[in-house]
Amino acid sequence: MSIGAGTTESSAGRVVFAFPNPVNEKAARVVAGGVVALAVFTLVLSLTSDDGWLWLTVVLALGFLARVLTGPTLSPLGQLATRVIAPRLGEPKLVAGPPKRFAQAIGLVVTGAAAVATAFGGYGLAQLLLGVIIVAATLESVFALCLGCVVFGVLMRAGLVPEETCEACANLALPRG
């Protein structure tokens, strides 16, 4: 059953194809930490063992795809972060959802490009793209600096993202708390 633009309700009444707004920043940082771990694992093994390990870029891309489409709903890493780890880190820190979804979409594009590069033998390019993901996800996980969110804010200020999409997103200096 359709309940609105871009959302679908399951027979149990739960929204499946929707992204949460707001988002618990602690859960987002845990997800980013998981992305760092898998990307580093993949990159290190591809550099020290053989390029065959780069197939794991597909796993990373599928994780980003699941999170873009459904937030944590269909993402095993998202479920672990939101249901198990983040609740143990204290009270949630709520932040706007649309910039986080945009960041997940950028991650999907980068890891998707790495998977395609791998499929066509572009192992060096795939490794470079993994490096980009590692840097961005580390900034999010360790320092709560979401590069996709920064880009989203710039796009909003440039008028490329409608203001009604996320009025709180326009001010990147909002309190983190």
Protein backbone atom coordinates (compact mmCIF):
# COMPACT_ATOMS: atom_id res chain seq x y z
CA MET A 1 0.00 0.00 0.00
CA SER A 2 1.40 3.41 -0.90
CA ILE A 3 1.37 6.06 1.82
CA GLY A 4 3.23 8.91 0.16
CA ALA A 5 5.96 9.88 -2.22
CA GLY A 6 8.79 7.39 -1.92
CA THR A 7 7.29 5.36 0.92
CA THR A 8 5.63 1.98 0.95
CA GLU A 9 3.80 0.43 3.90
CA SER A 10 4.13 -3.31 4.53
CA SER A 11 1.15 -5.53 5.38
CA ALA A 12 2.13 -5.16 9.04
CA GLY A 13 1.67 -1.40 8.76
CA ARG A 14 5.38 -0.64 8.99
CA VAL A 15 6.92 1.80 6.51
CA VAL A 16 9.60 -0.01 4.51
CA PHE A 17 10.76 2.34 1.75
CA ALA A 18 11.34 5.52 3.72
CA PHE A 19 14.27 7.22 5.36
CA PRO A 20 13.95 8.32 8.98
CA ASN A 21 13.83 11.99 9.87
CA PRO A 22 15.31 12.82 12.28
CA VAL A 23 18.24 10.38 12.49
CA ASN A 24 20.15 9.33 15.60
CA GLU A 25 23.64 10.64 14.89
CA LYS A 26 25.10 7.98 17.19
CA ALA A 27 23.61 5.23 15.01
CA ALA A 28 24.87 6.98 11.86
CA ARG A 29 28.36 7.10 13.32
CA VAL A 30 28.22 3.41 14.22
CA VAL A 31 27.16 2.57 10.64
CA ALA A 32 30.05 4.68 9.36
CA GLY A 33 32.40 2.74 11.64
CA GLY A 34 31.14 -0.52 10.15
CA VAL A 35 31.69 0.87 6.65
CA VAL A 36 35.25 1.85 7.61
CA ALA A 37 35.94 -1.64 8.97
CA LEU A 38 34.68 -3.44 5.85
CA ALA A 39 36.34 -0.99 3.46
CA VAL A 40 39.71 -1.20 5.25
CA PHE A 41 39.45 -5.00 5.36
CA THR A 42 38.71 -5.09 1.63
CA LEU A 43 41.44 -2.61 0.71
CA VAL A 44 44.13 -4.23 2.85
CA LEU A 45 43.36 -7.72 1.55
CA SER A 46 43.27 -6.51 -2.05
CA LEU A 47 46.66 -4.84 -1.62
CA THR A 48 48.37 -7.64 0.32
CA SER A 49 46.72 -10.77 -1.05
CA ASP A 50 45.05 -10.35 -4.42
CA ASP A 51 42.48 -8.27 -6.25
CA GLY A 52 39.86 -10.98 -5.78
CA TRP A 53 38.93 -9.42 -2.44
CA LEU A 54 37.55 -6.39 -4.24
CA TRP A 55 34.27 -8.27 -4.76
CA LEU A 56 33.44 -7.00 -1.26
CA THR A 57 32.83 -3.58 -2.84
CA VAL A 58 29.54 -5.11 -4.00
CA VAL A 59 28.62 -5.80 -0.36
CA LEU A 60 29.45 -2.20 0.54
CA ALA A 61 27.39 -0.89 -2.39
CA LEU A 62 24.40 -3.08 -1.48
CA GLY A 63 24.56 -1.81 2.10
CA PHE A 64 24.49 1.78 0.87
CA LEU A 65 21.62 0.94 -1.49
CA ALA A 66 19.60 -0.59 1.36
CA ARG A 67 20.19 2.46 3.55
CA VAL A 68 19.33 4.95 0.78
CA LEU A 69 16.05 3.16 0.07
CA THR A 70 14.99 2.25 3.59
CA GLY A 71 17.28 3.83 6.16
CA PRO A 72 18.26 1.07 8.59
CA THR A 73 15.21 -1.11 7.83
CA LEU A 74 16.80 -3.47 5.25
CA SER A 75 20.45 -2.88 6.19
CA PRO A 76 21.94 -5.47 8.57
CA LEU A 77 24.55 -2.91 9.61
CA GLY A 78 21.82 -0.30 10.07
CA GLN A 79 19.79 -2.69 12.22
CA LEU A 80 22.82 -3.53 14.37
CA ALA A 81 23.62 0.16 14.79
CA THR A 82 20.08 1.35 15.60
CA ARG A 83 18.80 -1.57 17.65
CA VAL A 84 21.88 -2.87 19.48
CA ILE A 85 24.85 -0.49 19.60
CA ALA A 86 23.48 3.08 19.54
CA PRO A 87 20.99 2.51 22.40
CA ARG A 88 23.93 1.46 24.58
CA LEU A 89 25.69 4.76 23.83
CA GLY A 90 23.19 6.87 25.76
CA GLU A 91 20.46 9.26 24.73
CA PRO A 92 20.08 9.72 20.97
CA LYS A 93 21.49 12.82 19.31
CA LEU A 94 18.94 13.70 16.67
CA VAL A 95 20.00 15.29 13.38
CA ALA A 96 18.15 15.95 10.14
CA GLY A 97 17.53 12.90 7.94
CA PRO A 98 17.71 14.30 4.38
CA PRO A 99 21.43 15.17 4.53
CA LYS A 100 22.23 11.73 5.92
CA ARG A 101 20.27 10.10 3.09
CA PHE A 102 22.16 12.25 0.60
CA ALA A 103 25.44 11.12 2.18
CA GLN A 104 24.34 7.47 1.86
CA ALA A 105 23.55 8.13 -1.83
CA ILE A 106 27.06 9.49 -2.36
CA GLY A 107 28.42 6.36 -0.67
CA LEU A 108 26.31 4.26 -3.03
CA VAL A 109 27.70 6.07 -6.08
CA VAL A 110 31.31 5.71 -4.91
CA THR A 111 31.07 2.05 -3.86
CA GLY A 112 28.95 1.26 -6.93
CA ALA A 113 31.66 2.79 -9.11
CA ALA A 114 34.26 0.71 -7.24
CA ALA A 115 32.23 -2.46 -7.87
CA VAL A 116 31.89 -1.62 -11.58
CA ALA A 117 35.60 -0.82 -11.80
CA THR A 118 36.36 -4.18 -10.21
CA ALA A 119 34.08 -5.99 -12.66
CA PHE A 120 35.99 -4.44 -15.57
CA GLY A 121 39.45 -5.04 -14.12
CA GLY A 122 40.02 -1.48 -12.87
CA TYR A 123 41.45 -2.66 -9.58
CA GLY A 124 43.53 0.46 -8.95
CA LEU A 125 40.48 2.69 -9.43
CA ALA A 126 38.43 0.46 -7.12
CA GLN A 127 41.15 0.71 -4.47
CA LEU A 128 41.27 4.49 -4.85
CA LEU A 129 37.49 4.70 -4.44
CA LEU A 130 37.70 2.51 -1.34
CA GLY A 131 40.22 5.01 0.01
CA VAL A 132 37.70 7.82 -0.56
CA ILE A 133 35.03 5.86 1.33
CA ILE A 134 37.47 5.14 4.16
CA VAL A 135 38.31 8.83 4.55
CA ALA A 136 34.68 10.00 4.43
CA ALA A 137 33.35 7.27 6.72
CA THR A 138 36.21 7.80 9.20
CA LEU A 139 35.42 11.52 9.38
CA GLU A 140 31.77 10.65 10.12
CA SER A 141 32.52 7.85 12.57
CA VAL A 142 35.31 9.46 14.56
CA PHE A 143 34.66 13.20 14.29
CA ALA A 144 30.90 13.40 13.46
CA LEU A 145 31.87 15.25 10.28
CA CYS A 146 29.52 14.13 7.53
CA LEU A 147 30.96 15.27 4.20
CA GLY A 148 27.74 14.42 2.36
CA CYS A 149 25.84 16.57 4.86
CA VAL A 150 28.22 19.46 4.23
CA VAL A 151 27.69 19.12 0.46
CA PHE A 152 23.92 18.93 1.06
CA GLY A 153 24.07 22.20 2.99
CA VAL A 154 26.05 23.87 0.20
CA LEU A 155 23.51 22.64 -2.36
CA MET A 156 20.68 24.03 -0.22
CA ARG A 157 22.36 27.42 0.09
CA ALA A 158 22.89 27.42 -3.69
CA GLY A 159 19.16 26.83 -4.15
CA LEU A 160 19.62 23.38 -5.71
CA VAL A 161 17.76 21.61 -2.89
CA PRO A 162 14.32 23.03 -2.05
CA GLU A 163 14.27 24.76 1.31
CA GLU A 164 11.20 22.80 2.40
CA THR A 165 13.19 19.57 2.03
CA CYS A 166 14.95 20.32 5.23
CA GLU A 167 14.78 23.74 6.80
CA ALA A 168 17.06 22.70 9.68
CA CYS A 169 19.68 21.51 7.17
CA ALA A 170 20.33 24.97 5.79
CA ASN A 171 22.27 25.91 8.91
CA LEU A 172 25.21 23.57 9.33
CA ALA A 173 26.08 25.31 12.59
CA LEU A 174 23.06 23.87 14.39
CA PRO A 175 23.82 22.57 17.87
CA ARG A 176 24.84 18.91 17.89
CA GLY A 177 22.93 18.08 20.92
